[in-house]
């Protein structure tokens, strides 16, 4: 389903969706097609769903015209060397 269709069916609310088709432009992921898992009634529930989401599933608000996500590389984790005497 296209994002514009999702926005029409679920105006001004959060939805749990699964990414079906997307493309990258630079460091931004543009999601082209999604499957709606379920609408989410309130921001508190949306927050919980977001942290429980895995793989290509995520929560997004239909007030956004497009789904564009900035992709950041994970910073390298540096640890202090563990020297034993």
PDB file of N, CA and C in Angstrom:
ATOM      1  N   UNK A   1       0.845  -1.166   0.000  1.00  0.00           N
ATOM      2  CA  UNK A   1       0.000   0.000   0.000  1.00  0.00           C
ATOM      3  C   UNK A   1       0.897   1.238   0.000  1.00  0.00           C
ATOM      4  N   UNK A   2       0.525   2.214  -0.746  1.00  0.00           N
ATOM      5  CA  UNK A   2       1.274   3.469  -0.780  1.00  0.00           C
ATOM      6  C   UNK A   2       0.989   4.282   0.478  1.00  0.00           C
ATOM      7  N   UNK A   3       1.954   5.095   0.876  1.00  0.00           N
ATOM      8  CA  UNK A   3       1.810   5.915   2.079  1.00  0.00           C
ATOM      9  C   UNK A   3       0.634   6.884   1.944  1.00  0.00           C
ATOM     10  N   UNK A   4       0.409   7.399   0.755  1.00  0.00           N
ATOM     11  CA  UNK A   4      -0.718   8.321   0.549  1.00  0.00           C
ATOM     12  C   UNK A   4      -2.052   7.623   0.839  1.00  0.00           C
ATOM     13  N   UNK A   5      -2.159   6.329   0.525  1.00  0.00           N
ATOM     14  CA  UNK A   5      -3.375   5.569   0.822  1.00  0.00           C
ATOM     15  C   UNK A   5      -3.525   5.357   2.325  1.00  0.00           C
ATOM     16  N   UNK A   6      -2.424   5.072   2.996  1.00  0.00           N
ATOM     17  CA  UNK A   6      -2.447   4.892   4.451  1.00  0.00           C
ATOM     18  C   UNK A   6      -2.906   6.183   5.114  1.00  0.00           C
ATOM     19  N   UNK A   7      -2.380   7.294   4.649  1.00  0.00           N
ATOM     20  CA  UNK A   7      -2.753   8.598   5.216  1.00  0.00           C
ATOM     21  C   UNK A   7      -4.246   8.875   5.048  1.00  0.00           C
ATOM     22  N   UNK A   8      -4.824   8.450   3.931  1.00  0.00           N
ATOM     23  CA  UNK A   8      -6.259   8.644   3.693  1.00  0.00           C
ATOM     24  C   UNK A   8      -7.115   7.762   4.591  1.00  0.00           C
ATOM     25  N   UNK A   9      -6.667   6.521   4.785  1.00  0.00           N
ATOM     26  CA  UNK A   9      -7.439   5.582   5.598  1.00  0.00           C
ATOM     27  C   UNK A   9      -7.334   5.844   7.100  1.00  0.00           C
ATOM     28  N   UNK A  10      -6.170   6.354   7.537  1.00  0.00           N
ATOM     29  CA  UNK A  10      -5.926   6.568   8.973  1.00  0.00           C
ATOM     30  C   UNK A  10      -5.440   7.998   9.206  1.00  0.00           C
ATOM     31  N   UNK A  11      -6.295   8.982   9.002  1.00  0.00           N
ATOM     32  CA  UNK A  11      -5.851  10.377   9.127  1.00  0.00           C
ATOM     33  C   UNK A  11      -5.437  10.762  10.548  1.00  0.00           C
ATOM     34  N   UNK A  12      -4.337  11.500  10.636  1.00  0.00           N
ATOM     35  CA  UNK A  12      -3.852  12.102  11.873  1.00  0.00           C
ATOM     36  C   UNK A  12      -3.744  11.119  13.041  1.00  0.00           C
ATOM     37  N   UNK A  13      -3.086   9.980  12.792  1.00  0.00           N
ATOM     38  CA  UNK A  13      -2.855   9.027  13.878  1.00  0.00           C
ATOM     39  C   UNK A  13      -1.592   8.218  13.619  1.00  0.00           C
ATOM     40  N   UNK A  14      -1.141   7.535  14.656  1.00  0.00           N
ATOM     41  CA  UNK A  14       0.023   6.666  14.539  1.00  0.00           C
ATOM     42  C   UNK A  14      -0.417   5.323  13.983  1.00  0.00           C
ATOM     43  N   UNK A  15       0.472   4.719  13.193  1.00  0.00           N
ATOM     44  CA  UNK A  15       0.207   3.384  12.674  1.00  0.00           C
ATOM     45  C   UNK A  15       1.479   2.544  12.796  1.00  0.00           C
ATOM     46  N   UNK A  16       1.287   1.272  13.084  1.00  0.00           N
ATOM     47  CA  UNK A  16       2.388   0.323  13.053  1.00  0.00           C
ATOM     48  C   UNK A  16       2.409  -0.229  11.640  1.00  0.00           C
ATOM     49  N   UNK A  17       3.534  -0.075  10.959  1.00  0.00           N
ATOM     50  CA  UNK A  17       3.630  -0.485   9.562  1.00  0.00           C
ATOM     51  C   UNK A  17       4.869  -1.340   9.345  1.00  0.00           C
ATOM     52  N   UNK A  18       4.856  -2.050   8.234  1.00  0.00           N
ATOM     53  CA  UNK A  18       6.017  -2.832   7.825  1.00  0.00           C
ATOM     54  C   UNK A  18       6.459  -2.335   6.451  1.00  0.00           C
ATOM     55  N   UNK A  19       7.724  -2.050   6.343  1.00  0.00           N
ATOM     56  CA  UNK A  19       8.302  -1.577   5.077  1.00  0.00           C
ATOM     57  C   UNK A  19       8.317  -2.725   4.073  1.00  0.00           C
ATOM     58  N   UNK A  20       7.759  -2.483   2.887  1.00  0.00           N
ATOM     59  CA  UNK A  20       7.761  -3.494   1.835  1.00  0.00           C
ATOM     60  C   UNK A  20       8.714  -3.137   0.700  1.00  0.00           C
ATOM     61  N   UNK A  21       8.780  -1.851   0.396  1.00  0.00           N
ATOM     62  CA  UNK A  21       9.659  -1.398  -0.686  1.00  0.00           C
ATOM     63  C   UNK A  21      10.188  -0.021  -0.330  1.00  0.00           C
ATOM     64  N   UNK A  22      11.495   0.162  -0.560  1.00  0.00           N
ATOM     65  CA  UNK A  22      12.114   1.452  -0.241  1.00  0.00           C
ATOM     66  C   UNK A  22      13.346   1.642  -1.103  1.00  0.00           C
ATOM     67  N   UNK A  23      13.900   2.849  -1.032  1.00  0.00           N
ATOM     68  CA  UNK A  23      15.146   3.140  -1.741  1.00  0.00           C
ATOM     69  C   UNK A  23      15.921   4.196  -0.962  1.00  0.00           C
ATOM     70  N   UNK A  24      17.222   4.235  -1.211  1.00  0.00           N
ATOM     71  CA  UNK A  24      18.099   5.200  -0.548  1.00  0.00           C
ATOM     72  C   UNK A  24      18.435   6.339  -1.491  1.00  0.00           C
ATOM     73  N   UNK A  25      18.496   7.516  -0.928  1.00  0.00           N
ATOM     74  CA  UNK A  25      19.024   8.699  -1.607  1.00  0.00           C
ATOM     75  C   UNK A  25      20.003   9.313  -0.616  1.00  0.00           C
ATOM     76  N   UNK A  26      21.284   9.097  -0.878  1.00  0.00           N
ATOM     77  CA  UNK A  26      22.300   9.556   0.065  1.00  0.00           C
ATOM     78  C   UNK A  26      22.165   8.778   1.359  1.00  0.00           C
ATOM     79  N   UNK A  27      22.067   9.502   2.470  1.00  0.00           N
ATOM     80  CA  UNK A  27      21.929   8.842   3.772  1.00  0.00           C
ATOM     81  C   UNK A  27      20.476   8.813   4.248  1.00  0.00           C
ATOM     82  N   UNK A  28      19.528   8.920   3.317  1.00  0.00           N
ATOM     83  CA  UNK A  28      18.111   8.916   3.682  1.00  0.00           C
ATOM     84  C   UNK A  28      17.399   7.740   3.037  1.00  0.00           C
ATOM     85  N   UNK A  29      16.600   7.075   3.858  1.00  0.00           N
ATOM     86  CA  UNK A  29      15.788   5.960   3.395  1.00  0.00           C
ATOM     87  C   UNK A  29      14.407   6.508   3.070  1.00  0.00           C
ATOM     88  N   UNK A  30      13.967   6.315   1.848  1.00  0.00           N
ATOM     89  CA  UNK A  30      12.639   6.730   1.402  1.00  0.00           C
ATOM     90  C   UNK A  30      11.788   5.473   1.270  1.00  0.00           C
ATOM     91  N   UNK A  31      10.753   5.373   2.095  1.00  0.00           N
ATOM     92  CA  UNK A  31       9.888   4.197   2.073  1.00  0.00           C
ATOM     93  C   UNK A  31       8.773   4.452   1.068  1.00  0.00           C
ATOM     94  N   UNK A  32       8.672   3.537   0.100  1.00  0.00           N
ATOM     95  CA  UNK A  32       7.711   3.709  -0.992  1.00  0.00           C
ATOM     96  C   UNK A  32       6.407   2.944  -0.767  1.00  0.00           C
ATOM     97  N   UNK A  33       6.505   1.760  -0.186  1.00  0.00           N
ATOM     98  CA  UNK A  33       5.325   0.931  -0.017  1.00  0.00           C
ATOM     99  C   UNK A  33       5.368   0.259   1.346  1.00  0.00           C
ATOM    100  N   UNK A  34       4.210   0.195   2.007  1.00  0.00           N
ATOM    101  CA  UNK A  34       4.129  -0.369   3.356  1.00  0.00           C
ATOM    102  C   UNK A  34       2.912  -1.280   3.484  1.00  0.00           C
ATOM    103  N   UNK A  35       2.926  -2.093   4.533  1.00  0.00           N
ATOM    104  CA  UNK A  35       1.756  -2.873   4.934  1.00  0.00           C
ATOM    105  C   UNK A  35       1.360  -2.372   6.319  1.00  0.00           C
ATOM    106  N   UNK A  36       0.111  -2.044   6.487  1.00  0.00           N
ATOM    107  CA  UNK A  36      -0.369  -1.572   7.781  1.00  0.00           C
ATOM    108  C   UNK A  36      -0.637  -2.777   8.668  1.00  0.00           C
ATOM    109  N   UNK A  37       0.013  -2.789   9.824  1.00  0.00           N
ATOM    110  CA  UNK A  37      -0.221  -3.842  10.801  1.00  0.00           C
ATOM    111  C   UNK A  37      -1.435  -3.481  11.656  1.00  0.00           C
ATOM    112  N   UNK A  38      -1.402  -2.245  12.201  1.00  0.00           N
ATOM    113  CA  UNK A  38      -2.555  -1.772  12.972  1.00  0.00           C
ATOM    114  C   UNK A  38      -2.430  -0.285  13.257  1.00  0.00           C
ATOM    115  N   UNK A  39      -3.561   0.406  13.396  1.00  0.00           N
ATOM    116  CA  UNK A  39      -3.514   1.793  13.871  1.00  0.00           C
ATOM    117  C   UNK A  39      -3.270   1.788  15.378  1.00  0.00           C
ATOM    118  N   UNK A  40      -2.679   2.861  15.870  1.00  0.00           N
ATOM    119  CA  UNK A  40      -2.367   2.966  17.298  1.00  0.00           C
ATOM    120  C   UNK A  40      -3.106   4.176  17.855  1.00  0.00           C
ATOM    121  N   UNK A  41      -3.925   3.977  18.869  1.00  0.00           N
ATOM    122  CA  UNK A  41      -4.841   5.008  19.340  1.00  0.00           C
ATOM    123  C   UNK A  41      -4.221   6.243  19.997  1.00  0.00           C
ATOM    124  N   UNK A  42      -3.126   6.077  20.714  1.00  0.00           N
ATOM    125  CA  UNK A  42      -2.593   7.239  21.431  1.00  0.00           C
ATOM    126  C   UNK A  42      -1.062   7.231  21.430  1.00  0.00           C
ATOM    127  N   UNK A  43      -0.435   8.380  21.691  1.00  0.00           N
ATOM    128  CA  UNK A  43       1.024   8.488  21.677  1.00  0.00           C
ATOM    129  C   UNK A  43       1.722   7.553  22.672  1.00  0.00           C
ATOM    130  N   UNK A  44       1.124   7.324  23.827  1.00  0.00           N
ATOM    131  CA  UNK A  44       1.728   6.432  24.827  1.00  0.00           C
ATOM    132  C   UNK A  44       1.842   5.010  24.278  1.00  0.00           C
ATOM    133  N   UNK A  45       0.781   4.553  23.649  1.00  0.00           N
ATOM    134  CA  UNK A  45       0.790   3.210  23.055  1.00  0.00           C
ATOM    135  C   UNK A  45       1.750   3.164  21.870  1.00  0.00           C
ATOM    136  N   UNK A  46       1.831   4.258  21.118  1.00  0.00           N
ATOM    137  CA  UNK A  46       2.742   4.325  19.968  1.00  0.00           C
ATOM    138  C   UNK A  46       4.193   4.194  20.428  1.00  0.00           C
ATOM    139  N   UNK A  47       4.517   4.831  21.529  1.00  0.00           N
ATOM    140  CA  UNK A  47       5.858   4.771  22.086  1.00  0.00           C
ATOM    141  C   UNK A  47       6.225   3.326  22.451  1.00  0.00           C
ATOM    142  N   UNK A  48       5.304   2.623  23.087  1.00  0.00           N
ATOM    143  CA  UNK A  48       5.545   1.230  23.475  1.00  0.00           C
ATOM    144  C   UNK A  48       5.699   0.342  22.238  1.00  0.00           C
ATOM    145  N   UNK A  49       4.854   0.553  21.255  1.00  0.00           N
ATOM    146  CA  UNK A  49       4.922  -0.233  20.019  1.00  0.00           C
ATOM    147  C   UNK A  49       6.236   0.008  19.277  1.00  0.00           C
ATOM    148  N   UNK A  50       6.685   1.248  19.281  1.00  0.00           N
ATOM    149  CA  UNK A  50       7.920   1.594  18.595  1.00  0.00           C
ATOM    150  C   UNK A  50       9.097   0.810  19.162  1.00  0.00           C
ATOM    151  N   UNK A  51       9.198   0.739  20.473  1.00  0.00           N
ATOM    152  CA  UNK A  51      10.308   0.032  21.097  1.00  0.00           C
ATOM    153  C   UNK A  51      10.182  -1.487  21.005  1.00  0.00           C
ATOM    154  N   UNK A  52       8.974  -1.973  20.768  1.00  0.00           N
ATOM    155  CA  UNK A  52       8.770  -3.413  20.611  1.00  0.00           C
ATOM    156  C   UNK A  52       8.933  -3.849  19.148  1.00  0.00           C
ATOM    157  N   UNK A  53       8.919  -2.892  18.221  1.00  0.00           N
ATOM    158  CA  UNK A  53       8.986  -3.212  16.792  1.00  0.00           C
ATOM    159  C   UNK A  53      10.351  -3.779  16.413  1.00  0.00           C
ATOM    160  N   UNK A  54      10.343  -4.724  15.484  1.00  0.00           N
ATOM    161  CA  UNK A  54      11.584  -5.361  15.034  1.00  0.00           C
ATOM    162  C   UNK A  54      11.603  -5.431  13.510  1.00  0.00           C
ATOM    163  N   UNK A  55      12.807  -5.632  12.996  1.00  0.00           N
ATOM    164  CA  UNK A  55      13.046  -5.799  11.562  1.00  0.00           C
ATOM    165  C   UNK A  55      12.555  -4.593  10.770  1.00  0.00           C
ATOM    166  N   UNK A  56      11.676  -4.798   9.826  1.00  0.00           N
ATOM    167  CA  UNK A  56      11.209  -3.689   8.991  1.00  0.00           C
ATOM    168  C   UNK A  56       9.946  -3.024   9.523  1.00  0.00           C
ATOM    169  N   UNK A  57       9.551  -3.351  10.719  1.00  0.00           N
ATOM    170  CA  UNK A  57       8.349  -2.744  11.314  1.00  0.00           C
ATOM    171  C   UNK A  57       8.731  -1.505  12.107  1.00  0.00           C
ATOM    172  N   UNK A  58       7.883  -0.495  12.014  1.00  0.00           N
ATOM    173  CA  UNK A  58       8.091   0.724  12.790  1.00  0.00           C
ATOM    174  C   UNK A  58       6.792   1.495  12.905  1.00  0.00           C
ATOM    175  N   UNK A  59       6.794   2.488  13.767  1.00  0.00           N
ATOM    176  CA  UNK A  59       5.624   3.333  14.013  1.00  0.00           C
ATOM    177  C   UNK A  59       5.860   4.672  13.349  1.00  0.00           C
ATOM    178  N   UNK A  60       4.837   5.188  12.675  1.00  0.00           N
ATOM    179  CA  UNK A  60       4.943   6.485  12.004  1.00  0.00           C
ATOM    180  C   UNK A  60       3.601   7.192  12.086  1.00  0.00           C
ATOM    181  N   UNK A  61       3.638   8.506  12.070  1.00  0.00           N
ATOM    182  CA  UNK A  61       2.408   9.293  12.156  1.00  0.00           C
ATOM    183  C   UNK A  61       1.953   9.699  10.763  1.00  0.00           C
ATOM    184  N   UNK A  62       0.664   9.559  10.508  1.00  0.00           N
ATOM    185  CA  UNK A  62       0.131   9.853   9.175  1.00  0.00           C
ATOM    186  C   UNK A  62       0.068  11.348   8.870  1.00  0.00           C
ATOM    187  N   UNK A  63       0.409  12.172   9.825  1.00  0.00           N
ATOM    188  CA  UNK A  63       0.509  13.600   9.566  1.00  0.00           C
ATOM    189  C   UNK A  63       1.724  13.939   8.705  1.00  0.00           C
ATOM    190  N   UNK A  64       2.667  12.994   8.597  1.00  0.00           N
ATOM    191  CA  UNK A  64       3.853  13.196   7.764  1.00  0.00           C
ATOM    192  C   UNK A  64       3.520  12.877   6.311  1.00  0.00           C
ATOM    193  N   UNK A  65       3.881  13.778   5.424  1.00  0.00           N
ATOM    194  CA  UNK A  65       3.554  13.615   4.015  1.00  0.00           C
ATOM    195  C   UNK A  65       4.281  12.439   3.370  1.00  0.00           C
ATOM    196  N   UNK A  66       5.521  12.217   3.775  1.00  0.00           N
ATOM    197  CA  UNK A  66       6.319  11.124   3.226  1.00  0.00           C
ATOM    198  C   UNK A  66       7.034  10.411   4.363  1.00  0.00           C
ATOM    199  N   UNK A  67       7.478   9.194   4.082  1.00  0.00           N
ATOM    200  CA  UNK A  67       8.286   8.473   5.055  1.00  0.00           C
ATOM    201  C   UNK A  67       9.735   8.573   4.596  1.00  0.00           C
ATOM    202  N   UNK A  68      10.480   9.422   5.282  1.00  0.00           N
ATOM    203  CA  UNK A  68      11.895   9.606   4.995  1.00  0.00           C
ATOM    204  C   UNK A  68      12.632   9.524   6.328  1.00  0.00           C
ATOM    205  N   UNK A  69      13.595   8.601   6.392  1.00  0.00           N
ATOM    206  CA  UNK A  69      14.319   8.362   7.627  1.00  0.00           C
ATOM    207  C   UNK A  69      15.807   8.563   7.378  1.00  0.00           C
ATOM    208  N   UNK A  70      16.429   9.390   8.196  1.00  0.00           N
ATOM    209  CA  UNK A  70      17.874   9.588   8.085  1.00  0.00           C
ATOM    210  C   UNK A  70      18.573   8.371   8.678  1.00  0.00           C
ATOM    211  N   UNK A  71      19.493   7.822   7.920  1.00  0.00           N
ATOM    212  CA  UNK A  71      20.227   6.633   8.359  1.00  0.00           C
ATOM    213  C   UNK A  71      21.607   7.070   8.823  1.00  0.00           C
ATOM    214  N   UNK A  72      21.935   6.711  10.043  1.00  0.00           N
ATOM    215  CA  UNK A  72      23.242   7.054  10.609  1.00  0.00           C
ATOM    216  C   UNK A  72      24.034   5.790  10.849  1.00  0.00           C
ATOM    217  N   UNK A  73      25.321   5.884  10.589  1.00  0.00           N
ATOM    218  CA  UNK A  73      26.201   4.775  10.915  1.00  0.00           C
ATOM    219  C   UNK A  73      26.375   4.727  12.422  1.00  0.00           C
ATOM    220  N   UNK A  74      26.520   3.537  12.942  1.00  0.00           N
ATOM    221  CA  UNK A  74      26.752   3.412  14.382  1.00  0.00           C
ATOM    222  C   UNK A  74      28.169   3.885  14.676  1.00  0.00           C
ATOM    223  N   UNK A  75      28.321   4.727  15.661  1.00  0.00           N
ATOM    224  CA  UNK A  75      29.674   5.163  16.007  1.00  0.00           C
ATOM    225  C   UNK A  75      30.471   3.994  16.568  1.00  0.00           C
ATOM    226  N   UNK A  76      31.746   4.044  16.320  1.00  0.00           N
ATOM    227  CA  UNK A  76      32.597   2.988  16.857  1.00  0.00           C
ATOM    228  C   UNK A  76      32.646   3.098  18.377  1.00  0.00           C
ATOM    229  N   UNK A  77      32.619   1.986  18.996  1.00  0.00           N
ATOM    230  CA  UNK A  77      32.689   1.968  20.451  1.00  0.00           C
ATOM    231  C   UNK A  77      34.142   1.749  20.841  1.00  0.00           C
ATOM    232  N   UNK A  78      34.658   2.664  21.594  1.00  0.00           N
ATOM    233  CA  UNK A  78      36.036   2.534  22.057  1.00  0.00           C
ATOM    234  C   UNK A  78      36.022   2.223  23.538  1.00  0.00           C
ATOM    235  N   UNK A  79      36.851   1.291  23.870  1.00  0.00           N
ATOM    236  CA  UNK A  79      36.952   0.909  25.275  1.00  0.00           C
ATOM    237  C   UNK A  79      38.385   1.107  25.733  1.00  0.00           C
ATOM    238  N   UNK A  80      38.527   1.443  26.968  1.00  0.00           N
ATOM    239  CA  UNK A  80      39.862   1.579  27.538  1.00  0.00           C
ATOM    240  C   UNK A  80      40.510   0.215  27.600  1.00  0.00           C
ATOM    241  N   UNK A  81      41.784   0.126  27.246  1.00  0.00           N
ATOM    242  CA  UNK A  81      42.445  -1.186  27.306  1.00  0.00           C
ATOM    243  C   UNK A  81      42.470  -1.715  28.726  1.00  0.00           C
ATOM    244  N   UNK A  82      42.325  -2.993  28.849  1.00  0.00           N
ATOM    245  CA  UNK A  82      42.321  -3.639  30.156  1.00  0.00           C
ATOM    246  C   UNK A  82      43.695  -4.243  30.374  1.00  0.00           C
ATOM    247  N   UNK A  83      44.571  -3.503  31.063  1.00  0.00           N
ATOM    248  CA  UNK A  83      45.936  -3.966  31.324  1.00  0.00           C
ATOM    249  C   UNK A  83      46.010  -4.540  32.735  1.00  0.00           C
ATOM    250  N   UNK A  84      46.493  -5.730  32.795  1.00  0.00           N
ATOM    251  CA  UNK A  84      46.676  -6.345  34.119  1.00  0.00           C
ATOM    252  C   UNK A  84      48.157  -6.345  34.453  1.00  0.00           C
ATOM    253  N   UNK A  85      48.492  -6.078  35.702  1.00  0.00           N
ATOM    254  CA  UNK A  85      49.886  -6.043  36.147  1.00  0.00           C
ATOM    255  C   UNK A  85      50.366  -7.407  36.532  1.00  0.00           C
TER     256      UNK A  85
END
